[in-house]
């Protein structure tokens, strides 16, 4: 099994890119890969309860469904701890399955061979 770490910095500001990140993440899970989604900058909002409700880019499934499918199918949803602070997002606001992580977790994944793709 390969390790993939996808990096999403987008939310409501670019629903298409945020959706595409989760489409690729779900495809990786379907292909049997170990997939981690790293959310940073405004992408951290995607891991908060209710944020993605009603967001849908043309040609894509609703963002909320894409995120839920990713978590339900065993994807690791990592949320940048440094990025939530200026946005006043607390752990109680995160969707089930989301995990606050520090930079060290991302660096460790990279050092251990995770292939990466960013939005």
PDB file of N, CA and C in Angstrom:
ATOM      1  N   UNK A   1       0.848  -1.173   0.000  1.00  0.00           N
ATOM      2  CA  UNK A   1       0.000   0.000   0.000  1.00  0.00           C
ATOM      3  C   UNK A   1       0.894   1.236   0.000  1.00  0.00           C
ATOM      4  N   UNK A   2       0.587   2.182  -0.887  1.00  0.00           N
ATOM      5  CA  UNK A   2       1.332   3.431  -0.931  1.00  0.00           C
ATOM      6  C   UNK A   2       0.770   4.448   0.043  1.00  0.00           C
ATOM      7  N   UNK A   3       1.595   5.418   0.376  1.00  0.00           N
ATOM      8  CA  UNK A   3       1.160   6.491   1.269  1.00  0.00           C
ATOM      9  C   UNK A   3       1.070   7.772   0.459  1.00  0.00           C
ATOM     10  N   UNK A   4      -0.081   8.431   0.582  1.00  0.00           N
ATOM     11  CA  UNK A   4      -0.327   9.660  -0.144  1.00  0.00           C
ATOM     12  C   UNK A   4      -0.754  10.724   0.863  1.00  0.00           C
ATOM     13  N   UNK A   5      -0.154  11.913   0.773  1.00  0.00           N
ATOM     14  CA  UNK A   5      -0.596  13.037   1.591  1.00  0.00           C
ATOM     15  C   UNK A   5      -1.016  14.160   0.652  1.00  0.00           C
ATOM     16  N   UNK A   6      -2.307  14.452   0.676  1.00  0.00           N
ATOM     17  CA  UNK A   6      -2.841  15.533  -0.131  1.00  0.00           C
ATOM     18  C   UNK A   6      -2.966  16.762   0.745  1.00  0.00           C
ATOM     19  N   UNK A   7      -2.707  17.920   0.158  1.00  0.00           N
ATOM     20  CA  UNK A   7      -2.670  19.164   0.914  1.00  0.00           C
ATOM     21  C   UNK A   7      -3.680  20.131   0.311  1.00  0.00           C
ATOM     22  N   UNK A   8      -4.661  20.538   1.113  1.00  0.00           N
ATOM     23  CA  UNK A   8      -5.688  21.465   0.645  1.00  0.00           C
ATOM     24  C   UNK A   8      -5.662  22.745   1.468  1.00  0.00           C
ATOM     25  N   UNK A   9      -5.568  23.882   0.771  1.00  0.00           N
ATOM     26  CA  UNK A   9      -5.585  25.195   1.412  1.00  0.00           C
ATOM     27  C   UNK A   9      -6.875  25.949   1.118  1.00  0.00           C
ATOM     28  N   UNK A  10      -7.817  25.304   0.444  1.00  0.00           N
ATOM     29  CA  UNK A  10      -9.009  25.993  -0.059  1.00  0.00           C
ATOM     30  C   UNK A  10     -10.283  25.607   0.667  1.00  0.00           C
ATOM     31  N   UNK A  11     -11.244  26.509   0.633  1.00  0.00           N
ATOM     32  CA  UNK A  11     -12.569  26.295   1.212  1.00  0.00           C
ATOM     33  C   UNK A  11     -13.585  27.019   0.357  1.00  0.00           C
ATOM     34  N   UNK A  12     -14.403  27.858   0.971  1.00  0.00           N
ATOM     35  CA  UNK A  12     -15.434  28.613   0.247  1.00  0.00           C
ATOM     36  C   UNK A  12     -14.836  29.537  -0.803  1.00  0.00           C
ATOM     37  N   UNK A  13     -13.584  29.946  -0.604  1.00  0.00           N
ATOM     38  CA  UNK A  13     -12.926  30.838  -1.554  1.00  0.00           C
ATOM     39  C   UNK A  13     -12.694  30.173  -2.906  1.00  0.00           C
ATOM     40  N   UNK A  14     -12.638  28.853  -2.949  1.00  0.00           N
ATOM     41  CA  UNK A  14     -12.442  28.110  -4.199  1.00  0.00           C
ATOM     42  C   UNK A  14     -12.966  26.690  -3.998  1.00  0.00           C
ATOM     43  N   UNK A  15     -14.285  26.560  -4.067  1.00  0.00           N
ATOM     44  CA  UNK A  15     -14.943  25.281  -3.797  1.00  0.00           C
ATOM     45  C   UNK A  15     -14.505  24.216  -4.799  1.00  0.00           C
ATOM     46  N   UNK A  16     -14.211  24.617  -6.022  1.00  0.00           N
ATOM     47  CA  UNK A  16     -13.780  23.638  -7.022  1.00  0.00           C
ATOM     48  C   UNK A  16     -12.467  22.970  -6.609  1.00  0.00           C
ATOM     49  N   UNK A  17     -11.497  23.753  -6.195  1.00  0.00           N
ATOM     50  CA  UNK A  17     -10.209  23.167  -5.776  1.00  0.00           C
ATOM     51  C   UNK A  17     -10.356  22.339  -4.506  1.00  0.00           C
ATOM     52  N   UNK A  18     -11.152  22.820  -3.564  1.00  0.00           N
ATOM     53  CA  UNK A  18     -11.378  22.049  -2.337  1.00  0.00           C
ATOM     54  C   UNK A  18     -12.044  20.718  -2.673  1.00  0.00           C
ATOM     55  N   UNK A  19     -13.008  20.749  -3.573  1.00  0.00           N
ATOM     56  CA  UNK A  19     -13.704  19.523  -3.977  1.00  0.00           C
ATOM     57  C   UNK A  19     -12.762  18.574  -4.691  1.00  0.00           C
ATOM     58  N   UNK A  20     -11.956  19.116  -5.609  1.00  0.00           N
ATOM     59  CA  UNK A  20     -11.031  18.269  -6.356  1.00  0.00           C
ATOM     60  C   UNK A  20     -10.055  17.557  -5.426  1.00  0.00           C
ATOM     61  N   UNK A  21      -9.603  18.248  -4.386  1.00  0.00           N
ATOM     62  CA  UNK A  21      -8.700  17.615  -3.420  1.00  0.00           C
ATOM     63  C   UNK A  21      -9.355  16.381  -2.802  1.00  0.00           C
ATOM     64  N   UNK A  22     -10.626  16.494  -2.442  1.00  0.00           N
ATOM     65  CA  UNK A  22     -11.318  15.357  -1.829  1.00  0.00           C
ATOM     66  C   UNK A  22     -11.705  14.294  -2.848  1.00  0.00           C
ATOM     67  N   UNK A  23     -11.952  14.679  -4.091  1.00  0.00           N
ATOM     68  CA  UNK A  23     -12.203  13.683  -5.145  1.00  0.00           C
ATOM     69  C   UNK A  23     -10.960  12.810  -5.322  1.00  0.00           C
ATOM     70  N   UNK A  24      -9.799  13.447  -5.402  1.00  0.00           N
ATOM     71  CA  UNK A  24      -8.543  12.699  -5.560  1.00  0.00           C
ATOM     72  C   UNK A  24      -8.275  11.851  -4.317  1.00  0.00           C
ATOM     73  N   UNK A  25      -8.542  12.401  -3.143  1.00  0.00           N
ATOM     74  CA  UNK A  25      -8.335  11.650  -1.905  1.00  0.00           C
ATOM     75  C   UNK A  25      -9.215  10.404  -1.874  1.00  0.00           C
ATOM     76  N   UNK A  26     -10.463  10.555  -2.274  1.00  0.00           N
ATOM     77  CA  UNK A  26     -11.371   9.401  -2.299  1.00  0.00           C
ATOM     78  C   UNK A  26     -10.954   8.384  -3.350  1.00  0.00           C
ATOM     79  N   UNK A  27     -10.441   8.848  -4.474  1.00  0.00           N
ATOM     80  CA  UNK A  27      -9.944   7.926  -5.497  1.00  0.00           C
ATOM     81  C   UNK A  27      -8.760   7.122  -4.966  1.00  0.00           C
ATOM     82  N   UNK A  28      -7.907   7.785  -4.196  1.00  0.00           N
ATOM     83  CA  UNK A  28      -6.778   7.086  -3.591  1.00  0.00           C
ATOM     84  C   UNK A  28      -7.222   6.002  -2.635  1.00  0.00           C
ATOM     85  N   UNK A  29      -8.223   6.305  -1.824  1.00  0.00           N
ATOM     86  CA  UNK A  29      -8.747   5.291  -0.899  1.00  0.00           C
ATOM     87  C   UNK A  29      -9.343   4.123  -1.669  1.00  0.00           C
ATOM     88  N   UNK A  30     -10.098   4.421  -2.724  1.00  0.00           N
ATOM     89  CA  UNK A  30     -10.702   3.376  -3.549  1.00  0.00           C
ATOM     90  C   UNK A  30      -9.632   2.482  -4.171  1.00  0.00           C
ATOM     91  N   UNK A  31      -8.478   3.076  -4.478  1.00  0.00           N
ATOM     92  CA  UNK A  31      -7.367   2.326  -5.068  1.00  0.00           C
ATOM     93  C   UNK A  31      -6.538   1.592  -4.020  1.00  0.00           C
ATOM     94  N   UNK A  32      -6.971   1.655  -2.760  1.00  0.00           N
ATOM     95  CA  UNK A  32      -6.278   0.911  -1.712  1.00  0.00           C
ATOM     96  C   UNK A  32      -5.075   1.604  -1.113  1.00  0.00           C
ATOM     97  N   UNK A  33      -4.961   2.908  -1.326  1.00  0.00           N
ATOM     98  CA  UNK A  33      -3.829   3.642  -0.788  1.00  0.00           C
ATOM     99  C   UNK A  33      -4.129   4.154   0.627  1.00  0.00           C
ATOM    100  N   UNK A  34      -3.088   4.415   1.371  1.00  0.00           N
ATOM    101  CA  UNK A  34      -3.173   5.031   2.692  1.00  0.00           C
ATOM    102  C   UNK A  34      -3.159   6.539   2.442  1.00  0.00           C
ATOM    103  N   UNK A  35      -4.322   7.206   2.610  1.00  0.00           N
ATOM    104  CA  UNK A  35      -4.443   8.610   2.227  1.00  0.00           C
ATOM    105  C   UNK A  35      -4.669   9.502   3.439  1.00  0.00           C
ATOM    106  N   UNK A  36      -3.860  10.553   3.503  1.00  0.00           N
ATOM    107  CA  UNK A  36      -4.005  11.597   4.506  1.00  0.00           C
ATOM    108  C   UNK A  36      -4.324  12.895   3.782  1.00  0.00           C
ATOM    109  N   UNK A  37      -5.332  13.604   4.262  1.00  0.00           N
ATOM    110  CA  UNK A  37      -5.638  14.941   3.761  1.00  0.00           C
ATOM    111  C   UNK A  37      -5.148  15.924   4.806  1.00  0.00           C
ATOM    112  N   UNK A  38      -4.202  16.767   4.424  1.00  0.00           N
ATOM    113  CA  UNK A  38      -3.684  17.802   5.305  1.00  0.00           C
ATOM    114  C   UNK A  38      -4.366  19.114   4.936  1.00  0.00           C
ATOM    115  N   UNK A  39      -5.109  19.668   5.873  1.00  0.00           N
ATOM    116  CA  UNK A  39      -5.802  20.935   5.659  1.00  0.00           C
ATOM    117  C   UNK A  39      -5.026  22.049   6.349  1.00  0.00           C
ATOM    118  N   UNK A  40      -4.668  23.074   5.568  1.00  0.00           N
ATOM    119  CA  UNK A  40      -3.958  24.219   6.122  1.00  0.00           C
ATOM    120  C   UNK A  40      -4.628  25.503   5.640  1.00  0.00           C
ATOM    121  N   UNK A  41      -4.180  26.629   6.167  1.00  0.00           N
ATOM    122  CA  UNK A  41      -4.680  27.962   5.833  1.00  0.00           C
ATOM    123  C   UNK A  41      -6.214  27.924   5.870  1.00  0.00           C
ATOM    124  N   UNK A  42      -6.914  28.432   4.846  1.00  0.00           N
ATOM    125  CA  UNK A  42      -8.378  28.424   4.872  1.00  0.00           C
ATOM    126  C   UNK A  42      -8.976  27.042   4.638  1.00  0.00           C
ATOM    127  N   UNK A  43      -8.165  26.095   4.229  1.00  0.00           N
ATOM    128  CA  UNK A  43      -8.648  24.723   4.071  1.00  0.00           C
ATOM    129  C   UNK A  43      -9.097  24.102   5.381  1.00  0.00           C
ATOM    130  N   UNK A  44      -8.594  24.611   6.515  1.00  0.00           N
ATOM    131  CA  UNK A  44      -8.992  24.048   7.806  1.00  0.00           C
ATOM    132  C   UNK A  44     -10.493  24.172   8.045  1.00  0.00           C
ATOM    133  N   UNK A  45     -11.123  25.172   7.433  1.00  0.00           N
ATOM    134  CA  UNK A  45     -12.570  25.332   7.601  1.00  0.00           C
ATOM    135  C   UNK A  45     -13.334  24.113   7.114  1.00  0.00           C
ATOM    136  N   UNK A  46     -12.793  23.390   6.136  1.00  0.00           N
ATOM    137  CA  UNK A  46     -13.465  22.193   5.590  1.00  0.00           C
ATOM    138  C   UNK A  46     -13.673  21.119   6.652  1.00  0.00           C
ATOM    139  N   UNK A  47     -12.904  21.174   7.714  1.00  0.00           N
ATOM    140  CA  UNK A  47     -13.020  20.169   8.772  1.00  0.00           C
ATOM    141  C   UNK A  47     -13.907  20.629   9.915  1.00  0.00           C
ATOM    142  N   UNK A  48     -14.599  21.750   9.747  1.00  0.00           N
ATOM    143  CA  UNK A  48     -15.473  22.218  10.821  1.00  0.00           C
ATOM    144  C   UNK A  48     -16.921  21.852  10.519  1.00  0.00           C
ATOM    145  N   UNK A  49     -17.631  21.558  11.586  1.00  0.00           N
ATOM    146  CA  UNK A  49     -19.036  21.133  11.470  1.00  0.00           C
ATOM    147  C   UNK A  49     -19.878  22.189  10.755  1.00  0.00           C
ATOM    148  N   UNK A  50     -20.599  21.739   9.732  1.00  0.00           N
ATOM    149  CA  UNK A  50     -21.542  22.593   9.026  1.00  0.00           C
ATOM    150  C   UNK A  50     -20.942  23.507   7.967  1.00  0.00           C
ATOM    151  N   UNK A  51     -19.635  23.651   7.936  1.00  0.00           N
ATOM    152  CA  UNK A  51     -18.999  24.585   7.000  1.00  0.00           C
ATOM    153  C   UNK A  51     -19.284  24.235   5.540  1.00  0.00           C
ATOM    154  N   UNK A  52     -19.183  22.971   5.188  1.00  0.00           N
ATOM    155  CA  UNK A  52     -19.308  22.565   3.786  1.00  0.00           C
ATOM    156  C   UNK A  52     -20.756  22.378   3.333  1.00  0.00           C
ATOM    157  N   UNK A  53     -21.700  22.495   4.249  1.00  0.00           N
ATOM    158  CA  UNK A  53     -23.117  22.314   3.892  1.00  0.00           C
ATOM    159  C   UNK A  53     -23.505  23.320   2.814  1.00  0.00           C
ATOM    160  N   UNK A  54     -24.072  22.824   1.731  1.00  0.00           N
ATOM    161  CA  UNK A  54     -24.529  23.685   0.652  1.00  0.00           C
ATOM    162  C   UNK A  54     -23.456  24.106  -0.337  1.00  0.00           C
ATOM    163  N   UNK A  55     -22.210  23.696  -0.111  1.00  0.00           N
ATOM    164  CA  UNK A  55     -21.134  24.053  -1.043  1.00  0.00           C
ATOM    165  C   UNK A  55     -20.990  22.961  -2.099  1.00  0.00           C
ATOM    166  N   UNK A  56     -21.085  23.351  -3.354  1.00  0.00           N
ATOM    167  CA  UNK A  56     -20.944  22.387  -4.440  1.00  0.00           C
ATOM    168  C   UNK A  56     -20.409  23.093  -5.678  1.00  0.00           C
ATOM    169  N   UNK A  57     -19.292  22.622  -6.168  1.00  0.00           N
ATOM    170  CA  UNK A  57     -18.719  23.148  -7.408  1.00  0.00           C
ATOM    171  C   UNK A  57     -19.405  22.469  -8.593  1.00  0.00           C
ATOM    172  N   UNK A  58     -19.534  23.189  -9.671  1.00  0.00           N
ATOM    173  CA  UNK A  58     -20.150  22.656 -10.876  1.00  0.00           C
ATOM    174  C   UNK A  58     -19.433  21.379 -11.327  1.00  0.00           C
ATOM    175  N   UNK A  59     -20.190  20.314 -11.505  1.00  0.00           N
ATOM    176  CA  UNK A  59     -19.626  19.050 -11.975  1.00  0.00           C
ATOM    177  C   UNK A  59     -19.120  18.128 -10.881  1.00  0.00           C
ATOM    178  N   UNK A  60     -19.214  18.554  -9.628  1.00  0.00           N
ATOM    179  CA  UNK A  60     -18.726  17.756  -8.507  1.00  0.00           C
ATOM    180  C   UNK A  60     -19.873  17.410  -7.560  1.00  0.00           C
ATOM    181  N   UNK A  61     -19.689  16.352  -6.796  1.00  0.00           N
ATOM    182  CA  UNK A  61     -20.619  16.046  -5.704  1.00  0.00           C
ATOM    183  C   UNK A  61     -20.504  17.162  -4.667  1.00  0.00           C
ATOM    184  N   UNK A  62     -21.499  17.332  -3.823  1.00  0.00           N
ATOM    185  CA  UNK A  62     -21.400  18.340  -2.759  1.00  0.00           C
ATOM    186  C   UNK A  62     -20.153  18.114  -1.906  1.00  0.00           C
ATOM    187  N   UNK A  63     -19.491  19.206  -1.543  1.00  0.00           N
ATOM    188  CA  UNK A  63     -18.258  19.122  -0.765  1.00  0.00           C
ATOM    189  C   UNK A  63     -18.472  18.373   0.543  1.00  0.00           C
ATOM    190  N   UNK A  64     -19.585  18.616   1.196  1.00  0.00           N
ATOM    191  CA  UNK A  64     -19.871  17.933   2.456  1.00  0.00           C
ATOM    192  C   UNK A  64     -19.889  16.411   2.272  1.00  0.00           C
ATOM    193  N   UNK A  65     -20.460  15.931   1.171  1.00  0.00           N
ATOM    194  CA  UNK A  65     -20.485  14.491   0.879  1.00  0.00           C
ATOM    195  C   UNK A  65     -19.086  13.949   0.612  1.00  0.00           C
ATOM    196  N   UNK A  66     -18.284  14.714  -0.127  1.00  0.00           N
ATOM    197  CA  UNK A  66     -16.922  14.270  -0.435  1.00  0.00           C
ATOM    198  C   UNK A  66     -16.086  14.127   0.832  1.00  0.00           C
ATOM    199  N   UNK A  67     -16.238  15.074   1.740  1.00  0.00           N
ATOM    200  CA  UNK A  67     -15.503  15.022   3.009  1.00  0.00           C
ATOM    201  C   UNK A  67     -15.968  13.838   3.848  1.00  0.00           C
ATOM    202  N   UNK A  68     -17.278  13.673   3.952  1.00  0.00           N
ATOM    203  CA  UNK A  68     -17.830  12.579   4.762  1.00  0.00           C
ATOM    204  C   UNK A  68     -17.412  11.224   4.208  1.00  0.00           C
ATOM    205  N   UNK A  69     -17.449  11.080   2.887  1.00  0.00           N
ATOM    206  CA  UNK A  69     -17.042   9.820   2.247  1.00  0.00           C
ATOM    207  C   UNK A  69     -15.581   9.518   2.570  1.00  0.00           C
ATOM    208  N   UNK A  70     -14.737  10.545   2.533  1.00  0.00           N
ATOM    209  CA  UNK A  70     -13.320  10.366   2.828  1.00  0.00           C
ATOM    210  C   UNK A  70     -13.126   9.838   4.252  1.00  0.00           C
ATOM    211  N   UNK A  71     -13.773  10.465   5.200  1.00  0.00           N
ATOM    212  CA  UNK A  71     -13.640  10.040   6.597  1.00  0.00           C
ATOM    213  C   UNK A  71     -14.251   8.651   6.794  1.00  0.00           C
ATOM    214  N   UNK A  72     -15.439   8.426   6.238  1.00  0.00           N
ATOM    215  CA  UNK A  72     -16.119   7.133   6.389  1.00  0.00           C
ATOM    216  C   UNK A  72     -15.309   5.969   5.818  1.00  0.00           C
ATOM    217  N   UNK A  73     -14.514   6.247   4.784  1.00  0.00           N
ATOM    218  CA  UNK A  73     -13.742   5.186   4.131  1.00  0.00           C
ATOM    219  C   UNK A  73     -12.325   5.054   4.674  1.00  0.00           C
ATOM    220  N   UNK A  74     -12.066   5.694   5.819  1.00  0.00           N
ATOM    221  CA  UNK A  74     -10.786   5.470   6.491  1.00  0.00           C
ATOM    222  C   UNK A  74      -9.693   6.465   6.189  1.00  0.00           C
ATOM    223  N   UNK A  75     -10.015   7.548   5.491  1.00  0.00           N
ATOM    224  CA  UNK A  75      -9.008   8.569   5.245  1.00  0.00           C
ATOM    225  C   UNK A  75      -8.655   9.309   6.522  1.00  0.00           C
ATOM    226  N   UNK A  76      -7.414   9.729   6.623  1.00  0.00           N
ATOM    227  CA  UNK A  76      -6.965  10.507   7.781  1.00  0.00           C
ATOM    228  C   UNK A  76      -7.132  11.989   7.459  1.00  0.00           C
ATOM    229  N   UNK A  77      -7.913  12.689   8.252  1.00  0.00           N
ATOM    230  CA  UNK A  77      -8.177  14.105   8.038  1.00  0.00           C
ATOM    231  C   UNK A  77      -7.385  14.906   9.060  1.00  0.00           C
ATOM    232  N   UNK A  78      -6.264  15.464   8.611  1.00  0.00           N
ATOM    233  CA  UNK A  78      -5.380  16.221   9.483  1.00  0.00           C
ATOM    234  C   UNK A  78      -5.656  17.712   9.336  1.00  0.00           C
ATOM    235  N   UNK A  79      -5.753  18.387  10.460  1.00  0.00           N
ATOM    236  CA  UNK A  79      -6.041  19.819  10.493  1.00  0.00           C
ATOM    237  C   UNK A  79      -4.864  20.530  11.153  1.00  0.00           C
ATOM    238  N   UNK A  80      -4.307  21.488  10.467  1.00  0.00           N
ATOM    239  CA  UNK A  80      -3.138  22.230  10.961  1.00  0.00           C
ATOM    240  C   UNK A  80      -3.471  22.973  12.248  1.00  0.00           C
ATOM    241  N   UNK A  81      -2.791  22.589  13.330  1.00  0.00           N
ATOM    242  CA  UNK A  81      -3.011  23.216  14.620  1.00  0.00           C
ATOM    243  C   UNK A  81      -2.648  24.692  14.625  1.00  0.00           C
ATOM    244  N   UNK A  82      -1.593  25.072  13.927  1.00  0.00           N
ATOM    245  CA  UNK A  82      -1.195  26.475  13.867  1.00  0.00           C
ATOM    246  C   UNK A  82      -2.198  27.302  13.067  1.00  0.00           C
ATOM    247  N   UNK A  83      -2.846  26.688  12.094  1.00  0.00           N
ATOM    248  CA  UNK A  83      -3.781  27.405  11.215  1.00  0.00           C
ATOM    249  C   UNK A  83      -5.142  27.633  11.858  1.00  0.00           C
ATOM    250  N   UNK A  84      -5.537  26.784  12.801  1.00  0.00           N
ATOM    251  CA  UNK A  84      -6.837  26.975  13.446  1.00  0.00           C
ATOM    252  C   UNK A  84      -6.796  28.116  14.465  1.00  0.00           C
ATOM    253  N   UNK A  85      -5.627  28.380  15.033  1.00  0.00           N
ATOM    254  CA  UNK A  85      -5.519  29.395  16.088  1.00  0.00           C
ATOM    255  C   UNK A  85      -5.971  30.779  15.619  1.00  0.00           C
ATOM    256  N   UNK A  86      -5.441  31.325  14.505  1.00  0.00           N
ATOM    257  CA  UNK A  86      -5.882  32.659  14.098  1.00  0.00           C
ATOM    258  C   UNK A  86      -7.335  32.698  13.626  1.00  0.00           C
ATOM    259  N   UNK A  87      -7.910  31.536  13.364  1.00  0.00           N
ATOM    260  CA  UNK A  87      -9.301  31.444  12.925  1.00  0.00           C
ATOM    261  C   UNK A  87     -10.248  31.119  14.082  1.00  0.00           C
ATOM    262  N   UNK A  88      -9.682  31.016  15.288  1.00  0.00           N
ATOM    263  CA  UNK A  88     -10.460  30.729  16.500  1.00  0.00           C
ATOM    264  C   UNK A  88     -11.309  29.469  16.370  1.00  0.00           C
ATOM    265  N   UNK A  89     -10.726  28.435  15.782  1.00  0.00           N
ATOM    266  CA  UNK A  89     -11.394  27.143  15.648  1.00  0.00           C
ATOM    267  C   UNK A  89     -10.889  26.234  16.757  1.00  0.00           C
ATOM    268  N   UNK A  90     -11.815  25.707  17.559  1.00  0.00           N
ATOM    269  CA  UNK A  90     -11.458  24.794  18.630  1.00  0.00           C
ATOM    270  C   UNK A  90     -11.731  23.361  18.233  1.00  0.00           C
ATOM    271  N   UNK A  91     -11.135  22.410  18.938  1.00  0.00           N
ATOM    272  CA  UNK A  91     -11.313  20.996  18.604  1.00  0.00           C
ATOM    273  C   UNK A  91     -12.776  20.556  18.632  1.00  0.00           C
ATOM    274  N   UNK A  92     -13.583  21.194  19.462  1.00  0.00           N
ATOM    275  CA  UNK A  92     -15.002  20.822  19.548  1.00  0.00           C
ATOM    276  C   UNK A  92     -15.772  21.202  18.286  1.00  0.00           C
ATOM    277  N   UNK A  93     -15.206  22.040  17.434  1.00  0.00           N
ATOM    278  CA  UNK A  93     -15.862  22.466  16.199  1.00  0.00           C
ATOM    279  C   UNK A  93     -15.562  21.536  15.022  1.00  0.00           C
ATOM    280  N   UNK A  94     -14.638  20.609  15.212  1.00  0.00           N
ATOM    281  CA  UNK A  94     -14.217  19.752  14.106  1.00  0.00           C
ATOM    282  C   UNK A  94     -15.203  18.611  13.865  1.00  0.00           C
ATOM    283  N   UNK A  95     -15.274  18.195  12.606  1.00  0.00           N
ATOM    284  CA  UNK A  95     -16.115  17.056  12.247  1.00  0.00           C
ATOM    285  C   UNK A  95     -15.515  15.789  12.845  1.00  0.00           C
ATOM    286  N   UNK A  96     -16.350  14.789  13.116  1.00  0.00           N
ATOM    287  CA  UNK A  96     -15.812  13.514  13.601  1.00  0.00           C
ATOM    288  C   UNK A  96     -14.786  12.965  12.603  1.00  0.00           C
ATOM    289  N   UNK A  97     -13.683  12.494  13.140  1.00  0.00           N
ATOM    290  CA  UNK A  97     -12.624  11.938  12.308  1.00  0.00           C
ATOM    291  C   UNK A  97     -11.500  12.921  12.022  1.00  0.00           C
ATOM    292  N   UNK A  98     -11.728  14.215  12.241  1.00  0.00           N
ATOM    293  CA  UNK A  98     -10.680  15.215  12.031  1.00  0.00           C
ATOM    294  C   UNK A  98      -9.743  15.222  13.236  1.00  0.00           C
ATOM    295  N   UNK A  99      -8.476  15.448  12.965  1.00  0.00           N
ATOM    296  CA  UNK A  99      -7.458  15.400  14.011  1.00  0.00           C
ATOM    297  C   UNK A  99      -6.543  16.611  13.882  1.00  0.00           C
ATOM    298  N   UNK A 100      -6.379  17.357  14.961  1.00  0.00           N
ATOM    299  CA  UNK A 100      -5.426  18.461  14.970  1.00  0.00           C
ATOM    300  C   UNK A 100      -4.007  17.898  14.979  1.00  0.00           C
ATOM    301  N   UNK A 101      -3.150  18.434  14.110  1.00  0.00           N
ATOM    302  CA  UNK A 101      -1.759  17.981  14.051  1.00  0.00           C
ATOM    303  C   UNK A 101      -0.835  19.188  13.946  1.00  0.00           C
ATOM    304  N   UNK A 102       0.385  18.966  14.327  1.00  0.00           N
ATOM    305  CA  UNK A 102       1.419  19.985  14.184  1.00  0.00           C
ATOM    306  C   UNK A 102       2.261  19.717  12.952  1.00  0.00           C
ATOM    307  N   UNK A 103       3.147  20.634  12.680  1.00  0.00           N
ATOM    308  CA  UNK A 103       4.013  20.520  11.509  1.00  0.00           C
ATOM    309  C   UNK A 103       4.857  19.251  11.539  1.00  0.00           C
ATOM    310  N   UNK A 104       5.207  18.809  12.728  1.00  0.00           N
ATOM    311  CA  UNK A 104       6.046  17.613  12.850  1.00  0.00           C
ATOM    312  C   UNK A 104       5.373  16.386  12.240  1.00  0.00           C
ATOM    313  N   UNK A 105       4.044  16.290  12.357  1.00  0.00           N
ATOM    314  CA  UNK A 105       3.335  15.141  11.783  1.00  0.00           C
ATOM    315  C   UNK A 105       3.462  15.136  10.262  1.00  0.00           C
ATOM    316  N   UNK A 106       3.338  16.301   9.641  1.00  0.00           N
ATOM    317  CA  UNK A 106       3.467  16.393   8.183  1.00  0.00           C
ATOM    318  C   UNK A 106       4.890  16.065   7.744  1.00  0.00           C
ATOM    319  N   UNK A 107       5.854  16.597   8.473  1.00  0.00           N
ATOM    320  CA  UNK A 107       7.252  16.324   8.138  1.00  0.00           C
ATOM    321  C   UNK A 107       7.551  14.836   8.274  1.00  0.00           C
ATOM    322  N   UNK A 108       7.045  14.214   9.316  1.00  0.00           N
ATOM    323  CA  UNK A 108       7.267  12.778   9.514  1.00  0.00           C
ATOM    324  C   UNK A 108       6.669  11.967   8.367  1.00  0.00           C
ATOM    325  N   UNK A 109       5.462  12.336   7.922  1.00  0.00           N
ATOM    326  CA  UNK A 109       4.839  11.631   6.799  1.00  0.00           C
ATOM    327  C   UNK A 109       5.697  11.761   5.540  1.00  0.00           C
ATOM    328  N   UNK A 110       6.228  12.942   5.310  1.00  0.00           N
ATOM    329  CA  UNK A 110       7.078  13.156   4.137  1.00  0.00           C
ATOM    330  C   UNK A 110       8.367  12.348   4.225  1.00  0.00           C
ATOM    331  N   UNK A 111       8.991  12.380   5.395  1.00  0.00           N
ATOM    332  CA  UNK A 111      10.246  11.642   5.592  1.00  0.00           C
ATOM    333  C   UNK A 111      10.016  10.146   5.415  1.00  0.00           C
ATOM    334  N   UNK A 112       8.828   9.682   5.779  1.00  0.00           N
ATOM    335  CA  UNK A 112       8.509   8.269   5.653  1.00  0.00           C
ATOM    336  C   UNK A 112       7.988   7.885   4.268  1.00  0.00           C
ATOM    337  N   UNK A 113       8.124   8.788   3.301  1.00  0.00           N
ATOM    338  CA  UNK A 113       7.866   8.433   1.914  1.00  0.00           C
ATOM    339  C   UNK A 113       6.503   8.769   1.350  1.00  0.00           C
ATOM    340  N   UNK A 114       5.687   9.555   2.033  1.00  0.00           N
ATOM    341  CA  UNK A 114       4.372   9.904   1.480  1.00  0.00           C
ATOM    342  C   UNK A 114       4.555  10.726   0.203  1.00  0.00           C
ATOM    343  N   UNK A 115       3.808  10.337  -0.808  1.00  0.00           N
ATOM    344  CA  UNK A 115       3.764  11.122  -2.040  1.00  0.00           C
ATOM    345  C   UNK A 115       2.790  12.263  -1.811  1.00  0.00           C
ATOM    346  N   UNK A 116       3.053  13.445  -2.363  1.00  0.00           N
ATOM    347  CA  UNK A 116       2.220  14.601  -2.068  1.00  0.00           C
ATOM    348  C   UNK A 116       1.653  15.264  -3.323  1.00  0.00           C
ATOM    349  N   UNK A 117       0.538  15.933  -3.116  1.00  0.00           N
ATOM    350  CA  UNK A 117      -0.104  16.750  -4.153  1.00  0.00           C
ATOM    351  C   UNK A 117      -0.830  17.842  -3.403  1.00  0.00           C
ATOM    352  N   UNK A 118      -0.756  19.072  -3.912  1.00  0.00           N
ATOM    353  CA  UNK A 118      -1.328  20.216  -3.190  1.00  0.00           C
ATOM    354  C   UNK A 118      -2.314  21.016  -4.036  1.00  0.00           C
ATOM    355  N   UNK A 119      -3.279  21.598  -3.311  1.00  0.00           N
ATOM    356  CA  UNK A 119      -4.223  22.536  -3.909  1.00  0.00           C
ATOM    357  C   UNK A 119      -4.194  23.823  -3.134  1.00  0.00           C
TER     358      UNK A 119
END
